[in-house]
């Protein structure tokens, strides 16, 4: 069975960016921004922070985030208006899981469950503000989460 993984890295301050490594302060800030986005994904100032965090995380050489290609492709569907917010949250939440759970860095399945949980928080807030923003792939993941079947579904999807 073939397994695909997409990996990305991230960076932040000019000094750290030049070095290609992140600082403890940056990693803490990434996690903070990721959690802010869970409750305010459409806020303009939080959006700017999210963009900074994603750009920095993508350039850091010391954080390697294995992403599930199936999820990444699904989240980045050009037909969904909020695809960028969803995809960014998946990437940031994956990195945040690694930062907050360094002893579980090798547990890609747990990382995906946590990251998708974060994505579903963002999606739920978007729906509260924009009820017409429903999207079948996220509705299905939300349903699986509510049924307690998300972990198994992600393990199958992200083999």
Protein backbone atom coordinates (compact mmCIF):
# COMPACT_ATOMS: atom_id res chain seq x y z
CA UNK A 1 0.00 0.00 0.00
CA UNK A 2 1.45 3.37 -1.01
CA UNK A 3 1.34 6.22 1.48
CA UNK A 4 1.47 9.88 0.42
CA UNK A 5 2.41 12.71 2.70
CA UNK A 6 2.81 16.40 1.98
CA UNK A 7 5.26 18.18 4.25
CA UNK A 8 5.63 21.91 4.79
CA UNK A 9 7.70 24.14 7.09
CA UNK A 10 7.20 27.67 8.63
CA UNK A 11 9.23 30.80 9.82
CA UNK A 12 8.43 34.23 11.52
CA UNK A 13 10.68 37.07 12.73
CA UNK A 14 13.16 38.60 10.26
CA UNK A 15 16.09 37.25 12.28
CA UNK A 16 14.59 33.77 12.53
CA UNK A 17 13.46 33.92 8.91
CA UNK A 18 17.01 34.62 7.85
CA UNK A 19 18.14 31.68 9.98
CA UNK A 20 15.34 29.43 8.76
CA UNK A 21 14.55 28.29 12.30
CA UNK A 22 11.71 29.32 14.54
CA UNK A 23 11.98 30.68 18.04
CA UNK A 24 9.99 29.44 21.03
CA UNK A 25 8.18 32.80 21.00
CA UNK A 26 7.17 32.34 17.38
CA UNK A 27 5.90 28.83 17.96
CA UNK A 28 3.83 30.07 20.89
CA UNK A 29 2.48 32.89 18.73
CA UNK A 30 1.55 30.43 15.92
CA UNK A 31 -0.41 28.35 18.38
CA UNK A 32 -2.11 31.45 19.80
CA UNK A 33 -3.08 32.67 16.31
CA UNK A 34 -4.36 29.21 15.36
CA UNK A 35 -6.66 29.22 18.39
CA UNK A 36 -7.78 32.82 17.69
CA UNK A 37 -8.76 31.76 14.18
CA UNK A 38 -10.96 28.99 15.62
CA UNK A 39 -13.25 31.61 17.13
CA UNK A 40 -12.77 34.48 14.65
CA UNK A 41 -11.86 33.11 11.20
CA UNK A 42 -13.40 35.99 9.28
CA UNK A 43 -11.99 38.82 11.42
CA UNK A 44 -9.68 40.96 9.26
CA UNK A 45 -6.97 41.52 11.88
CA UNK A 46 -6.91 37.84 12.89
CA UNK A 47 -6.85 36.93 9.19
CA UNK A 48 -3.68 39.02 8.74
CA UNK A 49 -2.09 37.29 11.71
CA UNK A 50 -3.07 33.94 10.21
CA UNK A 51 -1.38 34.84 6.94
CA UNK A 52 1.78 35.86 8.77
CA UNK A 53 1.76 32.61 10.77
CA UNK A 54 1.25 30.46 7.67
CA UNK A 55 4.00 32.22 5.74
CA UNK A 56 6.41 31.94 8.63
CA UNK A 57 5.51 28.30 9.32
CA UNK A 58 6.01 27.49 5.63
CA UNK A 59 9.55 28.89 5.73
CA UNK A 60 10.77 27.48 9.04
CA UNK A 61 13.21 24.64 8.61
CA UNK A 62 12.77 23.21 12.09
CA UNK A 63 9.04 22.44 11.95
CA UNK A 64 8.03 19.71 9.53
CA UNK A 65 4.31 19.11 9.21
CA UNK A 66 3.18 15.95 7.39
CA UNK A 67 -0.12 16.81 5.72
CA UNK A 68 -2.66 14.36 4.34
CA UNK A 69 -2.83 14.95 0.56
CA UNK A 70 -6.45 13.76 0.41
CA UNK A 71 -7.55 16.29 3.02
CA UNK A 72 -5.42 19.07 1.59
CA UNK A 73 -6.90 18.50 -1.86
CA UNK A 74 -10.43 18.35 -0.52
CA UNK A 75 -10.04 21.52 1.57
CA UNK A 76 -8.53 23.45 -1.32
CA UNK A 77 -11.53 22.89 -3.63
CA UNK A 78 -11.80 25.95 -5.87
CA UNK A 79 -15.61 25.83 -5.67
CA UNK A 80 -15.76 26.71 -1.96
CA UNK A 81 -15.62 30.42 -1.11
CA UNK A 82 -13.81 29.90 2.22
CA UNK A 83 -11.33 27.30 0.98
CA UNK A 84 -8.34 29.46 1.89
CA UNK A 85 -9.49 29.88 5.49
CA UNK A 86 -10.14 26.14 5.77
CA UNK A 87 -6.87 25.06 4.14
CA UNK A 88 -4.85 27.57 6.16
CA UNK A 89 -6.47 26.35 9.37
CA UNK A 90 -5.65 22.74 8.51
CA UNK A 91 -2.00 23.64 7.99
CA UNK A 92 -1.72 25.88 11.05
CA UNK A 93 -3.59 23.47 13.32
CA UNK A 94 -1.33 20.62 12.17
CA UNK A 95 1.72 22.69 13.10
CA UNK A 96 0.13 23.75 16.38
CA UNK A 97 -0.51 20.11 17.28
CA UNK A 98 3.19 19.37 16.82
CA UNK A 99 4.15 22.41 18.89
CA UNK A 100 1.72 21.68 21.72
CA UNK A 101 2.26 17.89 21.68
CA UNK A 102 5.95 17.43 20.97
CA UNK A 103 5.90 13.90 22.40
CA UNK A 104 3.29 12.92 19.78
CA UNK A 105 5.18 14.33 16.80
CA UNK A 106 5.18 10.95 15.08
CA UNK A 107 1.45 10.35 15.56
CA UNK A 108 0.21 11.68 12.22
CA UNK A 109 -3.27 10.23 12.79
CA UNK A 110 -3.69 12.14 16.07
CA UNK A 111 -2.38 15.29 14.38
CA UNK A 112 -4.96 14.94 11.60
CA UNK A 113 -7.80 14.42 14.07
CA UNK A 114 -6.74 17.53 16.03
CA UNK A 115 -6.25 19.60 12.87
CA UNK A 116 -9.58 18.59 11.37
CA UNK A 117 -11.21 19.32 14.74
CA UNK A 118 -9.78 22.82 14.50
CA UNK A 119 -11.00 23.14 10.89
CA UNK A 120 -14.48 22.12 11.98
CA UNK A 121 -14.46 24.81 14.69
CA UNK A 122 -13.58 27.37 12.01
CA UNK A 123 -16.27 25.99 9.70
CA UNK A 124 -18.89 26.15 12.46
CA UNK A 125 -18.07 29.81 13.18
CA UNK A 126 -18.19 30.63 9.47
CA UNK A 127 -21.64 29.02 9.30
CA UNK A 128 -22.83 31.07 12.27
CA UNK A 129 -21.80 34.26 10.45
CA UNK A 130 -22.59 33.09 6.91
CA UNK A 131 -25.34 30.42 7.01
CA UNK A 132 -25.17 30.04 3.22
CA UNK A 133 -21.52 28.89 3.45
CA UNK A 134 -22.41 25.21 3.79
CA UNK A 135 -20.06 22.78 2.09
CA UNK A 136 -20.77 19.08 1.77
CA UNK A 137 -17.24 17.74 2.52
CA UNK A 138 -17.11 19.67 5.81
CA UNK A 139 -20.71 18.81 6.66
CA UNK A 140 -19.77 15.14 6.26
CA UNK A 141 -16.71 15.51 8.50
CA UNK A 142 -18.81 17.35 11.09
CA UNK A 143 -21.35 14.52 11.01
CA UNK A 144 -18.58 11.93 11.50
CA UNK A 145 -17.20 13.97 14.39
CA UNK A 146 -20.63 14.13 16.04
CA UNK A 147 -21.01 10.35 15.61
CA UNK A 148 -17.57 9.69 17.12
CA UNK A 149 -16.34 8.27 13.81
CA UNK A 150 -13.93 11.03 12.75
CA UNK A 151 -10.76 9.28 13.93
CA UNK A 152 -11.50 6.10 11.96
CA UNK A 153 -12.59 8.04 8.87
CA UNK A 154 -9.38 10.09 8.85
CA UNK A 155 -7.19 7.05 9.37
CA UNK A 156 -8.75 5.49 6.25
CA UNK A 157 -8.62 8.70 4.23
CA UNK A 158 -5.03 9.55 5.12
CA UNK A 159 -3.32 6.17 4.78
